[in-house]
């Protein structure tokens, strides 16, 4: 079974959270920093991908992150790809 990854691109501002604060918060919820086109990546569990449930699970996911990132003064965008089929270079950090 192929996995899925949602990548997050973040624009930060000097009046908002520090990069360390943001990274710590995201790591607490399963995000990992990465290098390349995007700043963070979230690997979905193996059972994600059932077309009947994807949109509801994805909307719940986006709403959760919208609430968590409130107050951090960041702009973000999310992009989901089938793992291994990304059309860009990415390196995951530990």
C-alpha atoms as a PDB file:
ATOM      1  CA  UNK A   1       0.000   0.000   0.000  1.00  0.00           C
ATOM      2  CA  UNK A   2       1.292   3.411  -0.951  1.00  0.00           C
ATOM      3  CA  UNK A   3       1.550   6.069   1.722  1.00  0.00           C
ATOM      4  CA  UNK A   4       0.598   9.714   1.551  1.00  0.00           C
ATOM      5  CA  UNK A   5       2.436  12.789   2.798  1.00  0.00           C
ATOM      6  CA  UNK A   6       1.129  16.270   3.437  1.00  0.00           C
ATOM      7  CA  UNK A   7       3.793  18.948   3.165  1.00  0.00           C
ATOM      8  CA  UNK A   8       3.563  22.357   4.781  1.00  0.00           C
ATOM      9  CA  UNK A   9       5.174  25.509   3.485  1.00  0.00           C
ATOM     10  CA  UNK A  10       5.445  28.201   6.170  1.00  0.00           C
ATOM     11  CA  UNK A  11       6.044  31.943   6.011  1.00  0.00           C
ATOM     12  CA  UNK A  12       7.090  33.343   9.366  1.00  0.00           C
ATOM     13  CA  UNK A  13       7.159  36.888  10.703  1.00  0.00           C
ATOM     14  CA  UNK A  14       9.482  38.472  13.256  1.00  0.00           C
ATOM     15  CA  UNK A  15       6.511  39.367  15.485  1.00  0.00           C
ATOM     16  CA  UNK A  16       5.276  35.777  15.655  1.00  0.00           C
ATOM     17  CA  UNK A  17       6.550  32.520  17.114  1.00  0.00           C
ATOM     18  CA  UNK A  18      10.214  31.667  16.782  1.00  0.00           C
ATOM     19  CA  UNK A  19      11.222  28.881  14.392  1.00  0.00           C
ATOM     20  CA  UNK A  20      12.120  26.751  17.422  1.00  0.00           C
ATOM     21  CA  UNK A  21       8.695  27.261  19.033  1.00  0.00           C
ATOM     22  CA  UNK A  22       6.895  26.413  15.814  1.00  0.00           C
ATOM     23  CA  UNK A  23       9.023  23.334  15.123  1.00  0.00           C
ATOM     24  CA  UNK A  24       8.567  22.051  18.686  1.00  0.00           C
ATOM     25  CA  UNK A  25       4.791  22.468  18.442  1.00  0.00           C
ATOM     26  CA  UNK A  26       4.593  20.758  15.054  1.00  0.00           C
ATOM     27  CA  UNK A  27       6.801  17.863  16.177  1.00  0.00           C
ATOM     28  CA  UNK A  28       4.459  17.271  19.122  1.00  0.00           C
ATOM     29  CA  UNK A  29       1.763  16.460  16.571  1.00  0.00           C
ATOM     30  CA  UNK A  30       3.679  14.262  14.139  1.00  0.00           C
ATOM     31  CA  UNK A  31       5.168  16.797  11.727  1.00  0.00           C
ATOM     32  CA  UNK A  32       8.844  16.537  10.826  1.00  0.00           C
ATOM     33  CA  UNK A  33      11.068  19.283   9.496  1.00  0.00           C
ATOM     34  CA  UNK A  34      12.306  18.698   5.971  1.00  0.00           C
ATOM     35  CA  UNK A  35      14.571  20.414   3.488  1.00  0.00           C
ATOM     36  CA  UNK A  36      13.811  21.267  -0.101  1.00  0.00           C
ATOM     37  CA  UNK A  37      10.549  22.591  -1.496  1.00  0.00           C
ATOM     38  CA  UNK A  38       8.621  22.414   1.799  1.00  0.00           C
ATOM     39  CA  UNK A  39       9.420  23.097   5.447  1.00  0.00           C
ATOM     40  CA  UNK A  40       7.565  20.271   7.231  1.00  0.00           C
ATOM     41  CA  UNK A  41       6.056  16.936   6.315  1.00  0.00           C
ATOM     42  CA  UNK A  42       3.362  14.758   7.848  1.00  0.00           C
ATOM     43  CA  UNK A  43       3.191  11.073   6.910  1.00  0.00           C
ATOM     44  CA  UNK A  44      -0.341   9.709   7.051  1.00  0.00           C
ATOM     45  CA  UNK A  45      -1.007   6.392   8.723  1.00  0.00           C
ATOM     46  CA  UNK A  46      -1.063   3.383   6.445  1.00  0.00           C
ATOM     47  CA  UNK A  47      -4.840   3.111   6.518  1.00  0.00           C
ATOM     48  CA  UNK A  48      -5.303   6.606   5.078  1.00  0.00           C
ATOM     49  CA  UNK A  49      -6.206   6.509   1.448  1.00  0.00           C
ATOM     50  CA  UNK A  50      -9.693   5.014   1.530  1.00  0.00           C
ATOM     51  CA  UNK A  51     -11.449   7.363  -0.889  1.00  0.00           C
ATOM     52  CA  UNK A  52     -14.695   7.242   1.071  1.00  0.00           C
ATOM     53  CA  UNK A  53     -13.034   8.728   4.145  1.00  0.00           C
ATOM     54  CA  UNK A  54     -10.218  10.876   2.737  1.00  0.00           C
ATOM     55  CA  UNK A  55     -12.063  14.172   2.453  1.00  0.00           C
ATOM     56  CA  UNK A  56     -13.555  14.070   5.951  1.00  0.00           C
ATOM     57  CA  UNK A  57     -10.281  13.013   7.534  1.00  0.00           C
ATOM     58  CA  UNK A  58      -8.393  15.633   5.548  1.00  0.00           C
ATOM     59  CA  UNK A  59     -10.838  18.416   6.498  1.00  0.00           C
ATOM     60  CA  UNK A  60     -10.604  17.402  10.164  1.00  0.00           C
ATOM     61  CA  UNK A  61      -6.809  17.521   9.794  1.00  0.00           C
ATOM     62  CA  UNK A  62      -6.825  20.992   8.216  1.00  0.00           C
ATOM     63  CA  UNK A  63      -9.252  22.376  10.794  1.00  0.00           C
ATOM     64  CA  UNK A  64      -7.108  20.979  13.618  1.00  0.00           C
ATOM     65  CA  UNK A  65      -3.971  22.648  12.209  1.00  0.00           C
ATOM     66  CA  UNK A  66      -5.745  25.897  11.600  1.00  0.00           C
ATOM     67  CA  UNK A  67      -6.689  26.035  15.296  1.00  0.00           C
ATOM     68  CA  UNK A  68      -3.245  24.919  16.531  1.00  0.00           C
ATOM     69  CA  UNK A  69      -1.414  27.524  14.430  1.00  0.00           C
ATOM     70  CA  UNK A  70      -3.621  30.427  15.535  1.00  0.00           C
ATOM     71  CA  UNK A  71      -1.579  32.969  17.442  1.00  0.00           C
ATOM     72  CA  UNK A  72       1.738  31.909  15.904  1.00  0.00           C
ATOM     73  CA  UNK A  73       1.479  34.639  13.247  1.00  0.00           C
ATOM     74  CA  UNK A  74       2.438  32.353  10.370  1.00  0.00           C
ATOM     75  CA  UNK A  75       1.014  31.803   6.924  1.00  0.00           C
ATOM     76  CA  UNK A  76       0.989  28.234   5.712  1.00  0.00           C
ATOM     77  CA  UNK A  77      -0.026  26.142   2.760  1.00  0.00           C
ATOM     78  CA  UNK A  78      -0.607  22.385   2.661  1.00  0.00           C
ATOM     79  CA  UNK A  79       0.062  20.066  -0.282  1.00  0.00           C
ATOM     80  CA  UNK A  80      -0.545  16.306  -0.260  1.00  0.00           C
ATOM     81  CA  UNK A  81       1.307  13.828  -2.473  1.00  0.00           C
ATOM     82  CA  UNK A  82       1.496  10.111  -2.847  1.00  0.00           C
ATOM     83  CA  UNK A  83       4.747   9.098  -1.184  1.00  0.00           C
ATOM     84  CA  UNK A  84       7.534   8.661  -3.705  1.00  0.00           C
ATOM     85  CA  UNK A  85       5.652  10.461  -6.469  1.00  0.00           C
ATOM     86  CA  UNK A  86       6.547  13.995  -5.427  1.00  0.00           C
ATOM     87  CA  UNK A  87       7.795  16.120  -8.329  1.00  0.00           C
ATOM     88  CA  UNK A  88      10.398  17.882  -6.195  1.00  0.00           C
ATOM     89  CA  UNK A  89      13.414  17.119  -4.053  1.00  0.00           C
ATOM     90  CA  UNK A  90      12.894  16.683  -0.299  1.00  0.00           C
ATOM     91  CA  UNK A  91      15.129  15.506   2.525  1.00  0.00           C
ATOM     92  CA  UNK A  92      13.650  14.649   5.897  1.00  0.00           C
ATOM     93  CA  UNK A  93      15.451  15.708   9.062  1.00  0.00           C
ATOM     94  CA  UNK A  94      15.616  13.608  12.189  1.00  0.00           C
END
